[in-house]
């Protein structure tokens, strides 16, 4: 049985601690976590593709979240589960 893989990143540039907390929680739940820390939408989308992740959790405002959705679509992986957390 494959281990669920999740990519976690902070696209806001100001909430890496929030992203790290979610990465730790996903790891504790048994997910394999690829933690990017601070990142940008296109780079994050490429990591999701490279890691064959089924889920991505990002801390992002509306503009960055939309840019990530567009980047995922451009790569043909817009079916990945996306969870967007508002920056604090």
C-alpha atoms as a PDB file:
ATOM      1  CA  UNK A   1       0.000   0.000   0.000  1.00  0.00           C
ATOM      2  CA  UNK A   2       1.572   3.338  -1.035  1.00  0.00           C
ATOM      3  CA  UNK A   3       2.159   5.993   1.591  1.00  0.00           C
ATOM      4  CA  UNK A   4       0.145   9.172   0.937  1.00  0.00           C
ATOM      5  CA  UNK A   5       2.483  12.003  -0.062  1.00  0.00           C
ATOM      6  CA  UNK A   6       1.762  15.664   0.679  1.00  0.00           C
ATOM      7  CA  UNK A   7       3.694  18.767  -0.343  1.00  0.00           C
ATOM      8  CA  UNK A   8       3.567  21.619   2.183  1.00  0.00           C
ATOM      9  CA  UNK A   9       4.726  25.158   1.407  1.00  0.00           C
ATOM     10  CA  UNK A  10       4.390  28.775   2.451  1.00  0.00           C
ATOM     11  CA  UNK A  11       3.539  30.891  -0.577  1.00  0.00           C
ATOM     12  CA  UNK A  12       2.808  33.967   1.534  1.00  0.00           C
ATOM     13  CA  UNK A  13       6.399  34.650   2.512  1.00  0.00           C
ATOM     14  CA  UNK A  14       5.365  35.254   6.096  1.00  0.00           C
ATOM     15  CA  UNK A  15       3.894  32.075   7.568  1.00  0.00           C
ATOM     16  CA  UNK A  16       6.513  29.337   7.423  1.00  0.00           C
ATOM     17  CA  UNK A  17       5.742  28.373  11.036  1.00  0.00           C
ATOM     18  CA  UNK A  18       2.086  27.703  10.132  1.00  0.00           C
ATOM     19  CA  UNK A  19       3.188  25.593   7.162  1.00  0.00           C
ATOM     20  CA  UNK A  20       5.651  23.700   9.358  1.00  0.00           C
ATOM     21  CA  UNK A  21       2.921  22.919  11.914  1.00  0.00           C
ATOM     22  CA  UNK A  22       0.770  21.434   9.148  1.00  0.00           C
ATOM     23  CA  UNK A  23       3.720  19.443   7.818  1.00  0.00           C
ATOM     24  CA  UNK A  24       4.341  17.982  11.261  1.00  0.00           C
ATOM     25  CA  UNK A  25       0.652  17.129  11.690  1.00  0.00           C
ATOM     26  CA  UNK A  26       0.529  15.383   8.305  1.00  0.00           C
ATOM     27  CA  UNK A  27       3.657  13.420   9.197  1.00  0.00           C
ATOM     28  CA  UNK A  28       2.146  12.404  12.533  1.00  0.00           C
ATOM     29  CA  UNK A  29      -0.916  11.173  10.615  1.00  0.00           C
ATOM     30  CA  UNK A  30       1.308   8.855   8.575  1.00  0.00           C
ATOM     31  CA  UNK A  31       1.678  10.935   5.416  1.00  0.00           C
ATOM     32  CA  UNK A  32       5.020  11.246   3.682  1.00  0.00           C
ATOM     33  CA  UNK A  33       5.713  14.990   3.755  1.00  0.00           C
ATOM     34  CA  UNK A  34       7.751  17.070   1.356  1.00  0.00           C
ATOM     35  CA  UNK A  35       8.209  20.370   3.198  1.00  0.00           C
ATOM     36  CA  UNK A  36       9.310  23.283   1.036  1.00  0.00           C
ATOM     37  CA  UNK A  37       9.183  26.107   3.554  1.00  0.00           C
ATOM     38  CA  UNK A  38       8.983  29.366   1.630  1.00  0.00           C
ATOM     39  CA  UNK A  39       8.237  28.770  -2.020  1.00  0.00           C
ATOM     40  CA  UNK A  40       6.443  30.225  -5.003  1.00  0.00           C
ATOM     41  CA  UNK A  41       3.513  28.806  -6.983  1.00  0.00           C
ATOM     42  CA  UNK A  42       5.258  27.467 -10.104  1.00  0.00           C
ATOM     43  CA  UNK A  43       8.101  25.844  -8.139  1.00  0.00           C
ATOM     44  CA  UNK A  44       5.582  24.286  -5.767  1.00  0.00           C
ATOM     45  CA  UNK A  45       3.588  22.855  -8.672  1.00  0.00           C
ATOM     46  CA  UNK A  46       6.743  21.298 -10.141  1.00  0.00           C
ATOM     47  CA  UNK A  47       7.566  19.660  -6.802  1.00  0.00           C
ATOM     48  CA  UNK A  48       4.022  18.284  -6.566  1.00  0.00           C
ATOM     49  CA  UNK A  49       4.509  16.758 -10.001  1.00  0.00           C
ATOM     50  CA  UNK A  50       8.028  15.468  -9.328  1.00  0.00           C
ATOM     51  CA  UNK A  51       7.006  13.878  -6.032  1.00  0.00           C
ATOM     52  CA  UNK A  52       3.759  12.469  -7.474  1.00  0.00           C
ATOM     53  CA  UNK A  53       1.979  13.975  -4.486  1.00  0.00           C
ATOM     54  CA  UNK A  54      -1.739  13.447  -4.082  1.00  0.00           C
ATOM     55  CA  UNK A  55      -2.177  16.480  -1.873  1.00  0.00           C
ATOM     56  CA  UNK A  56      -0.681  19.922  -1.462  1.00  0.00           C
ATOM     57  CA  UNK A  57      -1.149  22.203   1.535  1.00  0.00           C
ATOM     58  CA  UNK A  58      -0.094  25.818   1.158  1.00  0.00           C
ATOM     59  CA  UNK A  59      -0.258  28.961   3.209  1.00  0.00           C
ATOM     60  CA  UNK A  60      -1.280  31.526   0.631  1.00  0.00           C
ATOM     61  CA  UNK A  61      -3.348  34.565  -0.118  1.00  0.00           C
ATOM     62  CA  UNK A  62      -5.884  34.549  -2.942  1.00  0.00           C
ATOM     63  CA  UNK A  63      -3.438  35.662  -5.663  1.00  0.00           C
ATOM     64  CA  UNK A  64      -0.798  33.035  -4.828  1.00  0.00           C
ATOM     65  CA  UNK A  65      -3.434  30.304  -4.464  1.00  0.00           C
ATOM     66  CA  UNK A  66      -4.852  31.142  -7.891  1.00  0.00           C
ATOM     67  CA  UNK A  67      -1.339  31.164  -9.376  1.00  0.00           C
ATOM     68  CA  UNK A  68      -0.733  27.695  -7.898  1.00  0.00           C
ATOM     69  CA  UNK A  69      -4.022  26.401  -9.308  1.00  0.00           C
ATOM     70  CA  UNK A  70      -3.020  27.741 -12.739  1.00  0.00           C
ATOM     71  CA  UNK A  71       0.468  26.200 -12.482  1.00  0.00           C
ATOM     72  CA  UNK A  72      -1.001  22.823 -11.492  1.00  0.00           C
ATOM     73  CA  UNK A  73      -3.401  23.017 -14.456  1.00  0.00           C
ATOM     74  CA  UNK A  74      -0.549  23.932 -16.812  1.00  0.00           C
ATOM     75  CA  UNK A  75       1.245  20.760 -15.703  1.00  0.00           C
ATOM     76  CA  UNK A  76      -1.899  18.664 -16.109  1.00  0.00           C
ATOM     77  CA  UNK A  77      -2.148  17.824 -12.421  1.00  0.00           C
ATOM     78  CA  UNK A  78      -5.068  20.021 -11.411  1.00  0.00           C
ATOM     79  CA  UNK A  79      -6.799  16.968  -9.914  1.00  0.00           C
ATOM     80  CA  UNK A  80      -4.435  17.014  -6.910  1.00  0.00           C
ATOM     81  CA  UNK A  81      -6.154  17.814  -3.608  1.00  0.00           C
ATOM     82  CA  UNK A  82      -5.323  21.413  -2.694  1.00  0.00           C
ATOM     83  CA  UNK A  83      -5.739  22.870   0.784  1.00  0.00           C
ATOM     84  CA  UNK A  84      -5.157  26.603   1.092  1.00  0.00           C
ATOM     85  CA  UNK A  85      -4.556  28.052   4.555  1.00  0.00           C
ATOM     86  CA  UNK A  86      -4.835  31.817   5.002  1.00  0.00           C
ATOM     87  CA  UNK A  87      -1.633  33.476   6.238  1.00  0.00           C
ATOM     88  CA  UNK A  88      -1.666  34.776   9.814  1.00  0.00           C
END
